[in-house]
N, C-alpha and C. Protein backbone atom coordinates (compact mmCIF):
# COMPACT_ATOMS: atom_id res chain seq x y z
N MET A 1 -2.45 -11.88 27.20
CA MET A 1 -1.82 -10.89 26.28
C MET A 1 -2.75 -10.08 25.44
N THR A 2 -2.49 -8.88 25.75
CA THR A 2 -3.26 -7.93 24.85
C THR A 2 -3.04 -8.05 23.04
N GLN A 3 -4.08 -8.02 22.36
CA GLN A 3 -4.08 -8.29 21.14
C GLN A 3 -3.31 -7.12 20.66
N GLN A 4 -2.54 -7.45 19.23
CA GLN A 4 -1.24 -6.13 18.71
C GLN A 4 -1.85 -6.53 17.23
N ILE A 5 -1.09 -5.24 16.58
CA ILE A 5 -1.42 -5.56 15.04
C ILE A 5 0.02 -5.31 14.58
N PHE A 6 0.76 -6.00 13.79
CA PHE A 6 1.90 -5.69 13.11
C PHE A 6 1.14 -5.75 11.74
N VAL A 7 1.54 -4.60 11.11
CA VAL A 7 1.28 -4.38 9.48
C VAL A 7 3.04 -4.50 9.00
N ASN A 8 2.76 -5.48 8.15
CA ASN A 8 4.41 -5.69 7.38
C ASN A 8 4.38 -4.88 5.79
N LEU A 9 5.24 -4.10 5.78
CA LEU A 9 5.29 -3.34 4.53
C LEU A 9 6.48 -3.51 3.69
N PRO A 10 6.81 -3.71 2.57
CA PRO A 10 8.10 -3.94 1.60
C PRO A 10 8.60 -2.48 1.73
N ILE A 11 9.79 -2.19 1.82
CA ILE A 11 10.66 -1.18 1.68
C ILE A 11 11.80 -1.47 0.48
N ARG A 12 12.59 -0.48 0.12
CA ARG A 12 13.95 -0.81 -0.78
C ARG A 12 14.80 -0.10 -0.25
N ASP A 13 14.83 0.78 0.28
CA ASP A 13 15.82 1.22 1.37
C ASP A 13 15.77 1.74 2.77
N MET A 14 16.22 0.82 3.56
CA MET A 14 16.13 0.97 5.19
C MET A 14 16.41 1.97 5.69
N ASN A 15 17.98 2.84 5.52
CA ASN A 15 17.78 3.88 5.80
C ASN A 15 16.95 5.13 5.51
N ARG A 16 16.57 5.21 4.32
CA ARG A 16 15.70 6.22 3.49
C ARG A 16 14.44 6.08 4.39
N SER A 17 13.67 5.16 4.81
CA SER A 17 12.46 4.62 5.33
C SER A 17 12.73 4.95 7.11
N LYS A 18 13.48 4.91 7.57
CA LYS A 18 13.90 5.27 8.87
C LYS A 18 13.94 6.16 9.02
N GLU A 19 14.63 6.87 8.40
CA GLU A 19 14.98 8.57 8.49
C GLU A 19 13.37 9.42 8.24
N PHE A 20 12.74 8.64 7.20
CA PHE A 20 11.11 9.55 6.67
C PHE A 20 10.48 9.12 8.15
N PHE A 21 10.23 8.02 8.68
CA PHE A 21 9.26 7.85 9.41
C PHE A 21 9.85 8.18 11.22
N THR A 22 11.18 8.51 11.20
CA THR A 22 11.56 9.09 12.47
C THR A 22 11.24 10.46 12.31
N SER A 23 11.34 11.49 11.19
CA SER A 23 11.14 12.89 10.82
C SER A 23 9.30 13.19 11.16
N LEU A 24 8.54 12.08 11.08
CA LEU A 24 7.40 12.28 11.28
C LEU A 24 6.87 11.79 12.73
N GLY A 25 8.01 11.67 13.57
CA GLY A 25 7.65 11.39 15.13
C GLY A 25 7.63 10.08 15.59
N PHE A 26 7.88 9.21 14.66
CA PHE A 26 7.62 7.42 15.10
C PHE A 26 9.05 7.11 15.28
N SER A 27 8.84 6.49 16.26
CA SER A 27 9.93 5.69 17.06
C SER A 27 10.27 4.10 16.30
N PHE A 28 11.53 3.77 16.60
CA PHE A 28 11.45 2.21 16.53
C PHE A 28 12.11 1.37 17.55
N ASN A 29 11.58 0.15 17.60
CA ASN A 29 12.16 -0.77 18.92
C ASN A 29 13.33 -1.62 18.50
N PRO A 30 14.00 -0.97 19.04
CA PRO A 30 15.73 -1.85 18.58
C PRO A 30 16.03 -3.46 18.95
N GLN A 31 15.08 -3.80 19.84
CA GLN A 31 14.80 -5.01 20.12
C GLN A 31 14.69 -5.94 18.80
N PHE A 32 13.52 -5.31 17.94
CA PHE A 32 13.05 -6.04 16.72
C PHE A 32 13.43 -5.33 15.36
N THR A 33 14.86 -4.55 15.34
CA THR A 33 15.06 -3.70 14.15
C THR A 33 16.80 -4.16 13.84
N ASN A 34 16.99 -4.43 12.75
CA ASN A 34 17.93 -4.83 11.89
C ASN A 34 18.42 -4.29 10.64
N ASP A 35 19.21 -4.48 9.62
CA ASP A 35 19.17 -4.47 8.51
C ASP A 35 18.33 -4.60 7.41
N GLN A 36 17.58 -5.61 7.75
CA GLN A 36 16.34 -6.17 6.93
C GLN A 36 15.34 -5.88 7.21
N GLY A 37 14.86 -5.64 8.34
CA GLY A 37 13.49 -4.80 9.42
C GLY A 37 13.61 -4.07 10.18
N ALA A 38 12.38 -3.16 10.28
CA ALA A 38 12.12 -2.09 11.27
C ALA A 38 11.21 -2.51 11.62
N CYS A 39 11.32 -2.63 13.27
CA CYS A 39 9.75 -2.62 14.29
C CYS A 39 9.62 -0.52 14.24
N MET A 40 8.60 0.01 13.64
CA MET A 40 8.05 0.96 13.94
C MET A 40 6.80 0.82 14.88
N VAL A 41 7.07 2.04 16.06
CA VAL A 41 6.18 1.97 16.88
C VAL A 41 5.25 2.83 16.67
N VAL A 42 3.83 2.69 16.36
CA VAL A 42 2.65 3.32 16.20
C VAL A 42 2.00 3.73 17.38
N ALA A 43 1.64 2.94 18.27
CA ALA A 43 0.77 3.30 19.44
C ALA A 43 1.35 2.13 20.54
N ASP A 44 0.80 1.82 21.61
CA ASP A 44 1.14 0.48 22.53
C ASP A 44 1.02 -0.71 21.78
N ASN A 45 0.06 -1.05 20.87
CA ASN A 45 -0.37 -1.95 20.44
C ASN A 45 -0.38 -2.23 18.84
N ILE A 46 0.39 -1.43 18.50
CA ILE A 46 0.22 -0.91 17.21
C ILE A 46 1.85 -0.97 16.61
N PHE A 47 1.93 -1.55 15.50
CA PHE A 47 3.40 -1.51 14.88
C PHE A 47 3.49 -1.79 13.55
N VAL A 48 4.55 -1.29 12.73
CA VAL A 48 4.86 -1.54 11.49
C VAL A 48 5.97 -1.95 11.03
N MET A 49 6.10 -2.95 10.66
CA MET A 49 7.79 -4.01 10.35
C MET A 49 7.49 -3.48 8.79
N LEU A 50 8.77 -2.57 8.53
CA LEU A 50 9.36 -2.13 7.56
C LEU A 50 10.10 -2.95 6.89
N LEU A 51 9.97 -3.70 6.06
CA LEU A 51 11.16 -5.12 5.70
C LEU A 51 11.45 -4.80 4.29
N VAL A 52 12.70 -4.81 4.26
CA VAL A 52 13.38 -5.08 3.06
C VAL A 52 13.16 -5.76 2.15
N GLU A 53 12.73 -5.35 0.84
CA GLU A 53 11.95 -6.13 -0.01
C GLU A 53 12.16 -7.90 -0.04
N SER A 54 13.67 -8.05 -0.54
CA SER A 54 14.17 -9.11 -0.51
C SER A 54 13.80 -10.08 0.67
N PHE A 55 13.65 -9.49 1.89
CA PHE A 55 13.38 -10.00 3.37
C PHE A 55 11.66 -10.11 3.04
N PHE A 56 11.06 -9.21 3.12
CA PHE A 56 9.72 -9.29 2.84
C PHE A 56 9.34 -10.45 1.72
N GLN A 57 9.74 -10.70 0.52
CA GLN A 57 9.64 -11.88 -0.17
C GLN A 57 9.76 -13.51 0.06
N THR A 58 10.68 -13.52 1.41
CA THR A 58 10.40 -14.77 1.99
C THR A 58 9.38 -15.17 2.81
N PHE A 59 8.60 -14.07 3.14
CA PHE A 59 7.29 -14.50 3.87
C PHE A 59 6.29 -14.81 2.84
N THR A 60 6.21 -14.85 1.56
CA THR A 60 4.69 -14.99 0.82
C THR A 60 5.47 -15.85 -0.42
N LYS A 61 4.91 -16.57 -1.32
CA LYS A 61 5.15 -17.36 -2.36
C LYS A 61 4.62 -16.01 -3.96
N LYS A 62 3.73 -15.25 -3.32
CA LYS A 62 3.48 -14.16 -4.20
C LYS A 62 4.29 -13.07 -4.54
N PRO A 63 3.90 -12.48 -5.69
CA PRO A 63 5.21 -10.97 -6.07
C PRO A 63 5.06 -10.29 -5.13
N VAL A 64 5.77 -9.38 -4.90
CA VAL A 64 5.91 -8.55 -4.19
C VAL A 64 5.14 -7.57 -4.94
N ALA A 65 4.27 -6.46 -4.86
CA ALA A 65 3.56 -5.02 -5.36
C ALA A 65 4.50 -3.94 -5.50
N ASP A 66 4.86 -3.53 -6.77
CA ASP A 66 5.03 -2.23 -6.38
C ASP A 66 4.44 -1.06 -5.84
N ALA A 67 4.34 -0.84 -4.59
CA ALA A 67 3.68 -0.04 -4.08
C ALA A 67 3.24 1.68 -4.94
N SER A 68 4.52 1.82 -5.83
CA SER A 68 4.50 3.41 -6.36
C SER A 68 3.71 3.14 -7.62
N LYS A 69 3.29 1.60 -8.01
CA LYS A 69 2.61 1.62 -9.28
C LYS A 69 1.20 0.72 -8.98
N SER A 70 0.65 0.15 -8.11
CA SER A 70 -0.44 -0.31 -7.74
C SER A 70 -0.35 -0.31 -5.87
N THR A 71 -1.81 -0.33 -5.87
CA THR A 71 -2.18 -0.57 -4.04
C THR A 71 -2.76 -1.68 -4.01
N GLU A 72 -1.85 -1.90 -2.83
CA GLU A 72 -2.25 -3.07 -2.45
C GLU A 72 -3.18 -2.94 -0.52
N VAL A 73 -2.48 -2.15 -0.04
CA VAL A 73 -2.98 -1.68 0.93
C VAL A 73 -3.18 -0.06 1.16
N LEU A 74 -4.08 0.26 2.21
CA LEU A 74 -4.27 1.83 2.40
C LEU A 74 -4.27 1.80 3.94
N VAL A 75 -3.09 2.35 4.49
CA VAL A 75 -2.91 2.22 6.15
C VAL A 75 -3.51 3.58 6.49
N CYS A 76 -4.54 3.30 7.44
CA CYS A 76 -5.42 4.37 7.82
C CYS A 76 -4.88 4.94 9.50
N LEU A 77 -4.75 5.68 9.74
CA LEU A 77 -4.07 6.49 11.63
C LEU A 77 -5.27 7.22 11.74
N SER A 78 -5.68 6.95 13.07
CA SER A 78 -6.54 8.07 13.70
C SER A 78 -5.50 9.06 13.98
N CYS A 79 -6.24 10.18 14.16
CA CYS A 79 -5.15 11.47 14.91
C CYS A 79 -5.79 12.22 15.80
N GLU A 80 -5.25 12.75 16.81
CA GLU A 80 -6.58 13.47 17.72
C GLU A 80 -6.79 14.94 17.50
N SER A 81 -6.56 15.44 16.12
CA SER A 81 -7.33 16.57 15.84
C SER A 81 -6.98 16.63 14.37
N ARG A 82 -7.50 17.62 13.70
CA ARG A 82 -7.13 18.02 12.32
C ARG A 82 -6.10 18.86 12.30
N ALA A 83 -5.51 19.58 13.38
CA ALA A 83 -4.04 20.23 13.12
C ALA A 83 -3.01 19.02 13.03
N LYS A 84 -3.43 17.93 13.71
CA LYS A 84 -2.24 16.93 13.92
C LYS A 84 -2.63 16.23 12.31
N VAL A 85 -3.52 15.70 11.99
CA VAL A 85 -3.46 15.01 10.51
C VAL A 85 -2.96 16.15 9.53
N ASP A 86 -3.27 17.52 9.45
CA ASP A 86 -2.18 18.49 8.84
C ASP A 86 -0.96 18.41 9.17
N GLU A 87 -0.46 18.53 10.22
CA GLU A 87 1.10 18.60 10.91
C GLU A 87 1.53 16.98 10.12
N LEU A 88 1.01 16.08 10.13
CA LEU A 88 1.68 14.79 9.80
C LEU A 88 2.06 14.73 8.40
N VAL A 89 0.98 15.19 7.71
CA VAL A 89 0.88 15.60 6.26
C VAL A 89 2.03 16.51 5.67
N ALA A 90 2.28 17.62 6.43
CA ALA A 90 3.32 18.64 6.19
C ALA A 90 4.75 18.04 6.51
N LYS A 91 4.95 17.19 7.49
CA LYS A 91 5.95 16.50 7.90
C LYS A 91 6.59 15.57 6.87
N ALA A 92 5.41 14.82 6.21
CA ALA A 92 5.47 14.16 5.19
C ALA A 92 6.26 14.70 4.12
N LEU A 93 5.58 15.33 3.64
CA LEU A 93 6.33 16.21 2.33
C LEU A 93 7.62 16.57 2.66
N ALA A 94 7.65 17.50 4.28
CA ALA A 94 8.95 17.84 4.06
C ALA A 94 9.83 16.70 4.16
N ALA A 95 9.95 15.57 4.15
CA ALA A 95 10.92 14.41 4.45
C ALA A 95 10.76 13.96 3.30
N GLY A 96 10.14 13.95 2.31
CA GLY A 96 10.47 13.62 0.93
C GLY A 96 8.93 12.68 0.40
N GLY A 97 7.98 12.53 1.18
CA GLY A 97 7.00 11.66 0.83
C GLY A 97 6.18 12.91 -0.09
N THR A 98 4.75 12.23 -0.72
CA THR A 98 3.93 12.81 -1.54
C THR A 98 2.72 13.17 -1.35
N VAL A 99 1.92 13.99 -1.54
CA VAL A 99 0.41 14.04 -1.09
C VAL A 99 -0.49 13.63 -2.15
N PRO A 100 -1.12 12.31 -2.71
CA PRO A 100 -1.93 11.96 -3.77
C PRO A 100 -3.14 12.52 -3.91
N ASN A 101 -3.88 13.02 -3.06
CA ASN A 101 -5.19 13.49 -2.52
C ASN A 101 -5.28 15.15 -1.90
N ALA A 102 -6.31 15.88 -2.35
CA ALA A 102 -6.59 16.85 -0.84
C ALA A 102 -6.99 16.50 0.12
N PRO A 103 -7.08 17.35 0.97
CA PRO A 103 -7.90 16.50 2.14
C PRO A 103 -9.50 16.56 1.80
N GLN A 104 -10.06 15.79 2.81
CA GLN A 104 -11.65 15.72 2.82
C GLN A 104 -12.26 16.05 4.15
N ASP A 105 -13.12 16.93 3.79
CA ASP A 105 -13.81 17.27 5.02
C ASP A 105 -15.21 17.13 5.04
N HIS A 106 -15.79 16.09 5.63
CA HIS A 106 -17.07 15.69 5.74
C HIS A 106 -17.80 16.20 7.35
N GLY A 107 -17.52 17.27 7.62
CA GLY A 107 -18.04 17.65 8.52
C GLY A 107 -17.46 16.62 10.05
N PHE A 108 -18.03 15.67 10.45
CA PHE A 108 -17.69 14.82 11.13
C PHE A 108 -16.37 14.04 11.28
N MET A 109 -16.05 14.15 10.14
CA MET A 109 -14.59 13.19 9.66
C MET A 109 -13.96 14.04 8.90
N TYR A 110 -12.35 14.40 9.22
CA TYR A 110 -11.42 15.07 8.51
C TYR A 110 -10.31 14.40 8.06
N ALA A 111 -9.81 14.19 6.71
CA ALA A 111 -9.12 13.05 6.30
C ALA A 111 -7.93 13.66 5.37
N HIS A 112 -6.92 13.02 5.32
CA HIS A 112 -5.56 13.61 4.50
C HIS A 112 -5.07 12.61 4.28
N GLY A 113 -3.77 12.38 3.53
CA GLY A 113 -2.69 11.55 3.72
C GLY A 113 -1.47 11.74 3.04
N PHE A 114 -0.76 11.07 2.80
CA PHE A 114 0.49 11.03 2.24
C PHE A 114 0.94 9.44 1.80
N GLU A 115 1.84 9.55 0.75
CA GLU A 115 2.73 8.04 0.46
C GLU A 115 3.98 8.42 0.81
N ASP A 116 4.33 7.32 1.36
CA ASP A 116 5.83 7.31 1.82
C ASP A 116 6.64 7.47 0.76
N PRO A 117 8.14 7.31 0.84
CA PRO A 117 8.84 6.92 -0.28
C PRO A 117 9.07 5.88 -1.09
N ASP A 118 8.44 4.63 -0.70
CA ASP A 118 8.18 3.41 -1.29
C ASP A 118 6.93 3.46 -1.93
N GLY A 119 6.00 4.34 -1.56
CA GLY A 119 4.57 4.69 -2.78
C GLY A 119 3.73 4.03 -1.56
N HIS A 120 3.67 3.68 -0.38
CA HIS A 120 2.38 3.17 0.56
C HIS A 120 2.05 4.65 0.94
N VAL A 121 0.48 4.33 0.46
CA VAL A 121 -0.58 5.17 0.99
C VAL A 121 -0.73 4.94 2.54
N TRP A 122 -0.86 6.44 3.20
CA TRP A 122 -1.22 6.24 4.55
C TRP A 122 -1.95 7.29 4.88
N GLU A 123 -3.29 6.83 5.55
CA GLU A 123 -4.61 7.76 5.09
C GLU A 123 -4.38 8.36 6.99
N LEU A 124 -4.70 9.77 7.04
CA LEU A 124 -4.69 10.25 8.40
C LEU A 124 -6.56 10.93 8.71
N ALA A 125 -7.09 10.53 9.82
CA ALA A 125 -8.22 10.89 9.93
C ALA A 125 -8.23 11.13 11.37
N TYR A 126 -9.03 12.53 11.59
CA TYR A 126 -9.69 12.80 12.53
C TYR A 126 -11.46 12.77 12.91
N MET A 127 -11.84 12.20 13.54
CA MET A 127 -13.34 11.94 14.05
C MET A 127 -13.94 12.88 15.12
N ASP A 128 -14.39 13.49 14.90
CA ASP A 128 -15.21 14.19 15.70
C ASP A 128 -16.42 13.55 16.22
N MET A 129 -16.30 12.92 17.16
CA MET A 129 -17.36 11.76 17.55
C MET A 129 -18.90 12.21 18.13
N ALA A 130 -18.66 13.63 18.49
CA ALA A 130 -19.93 14.20 18.76
C ALA A 130 -21.18 14.61 17.69
N ALA A 131 -20.08 15.23 16.48
CA ALA A 131 -20.44 15.23 15.35
C ALA A 131 -21.07 14.20 14.64
N ALA A 132 -20.34 13.24 14.58
CA ALA A 132 -20.64 11.76 13.76
C ALA A 132 -21.94 11.15 14.53
N GLY A 133 -22.07 11.47 16.17
CA GLY A 133 -23.35 10.62 16.44
C GLY A 133 -24.24 11.44 15.72
N ALA A 134 -24.15 13.24 15.77
CA ALA A 134 -25.03 13.75 14.95
C ALA A 134 -25.48 13.49 13.65
N ALA A 135 -24.36 13.19 12.83
CA ALA A 135 -24.40 12.74 11.58
C ALA A 135 -25.34 11.51 11.36
N GLY A 136 -25.41 10.53 12.26
CA GLY A 136 -26.08 9.19 12.09
C GLY A 136 -26.99 9.01 12.37
N ASN A 137 -27.63 10.63 13.14
CA ASN A 137 -28.92 10.62 13.62
C ASN A 137 -30.07 11.71 12.80
N GLY A 138 -29.30 12.19 11.77
CA GLY A 138 -30.14 12.90 10.66
C GLY A 138 -30.50 12.19 9.66
């Protein structure tokens, strides 16, 4: 079996979250999606489980963080180009997300990101591997 990753995030409104991420181009696996949780497909082996807060709470004895007020995790996704980074940020803004930081251009790496409607931070990064190798040899 190929190793997979499932990032679990608490959400407040299932319909709002599904609409937001669908507008960014993500799909959901209906086999693992219901009114309590939705399995968002990021890539072949990468999934995000969007779990309604009350359901999310059943998996932990700790209080659930309010991502609009504190940061528990930064989700970072690689993108195939700078243009794709900018495209996803623009789509997130249009769908009701916010942009907490300005884009960062490090020459070999370009990064920008957004916050989803629940306040979770999504970092997007494009890495120019040829330039990264040159930067590491400097």
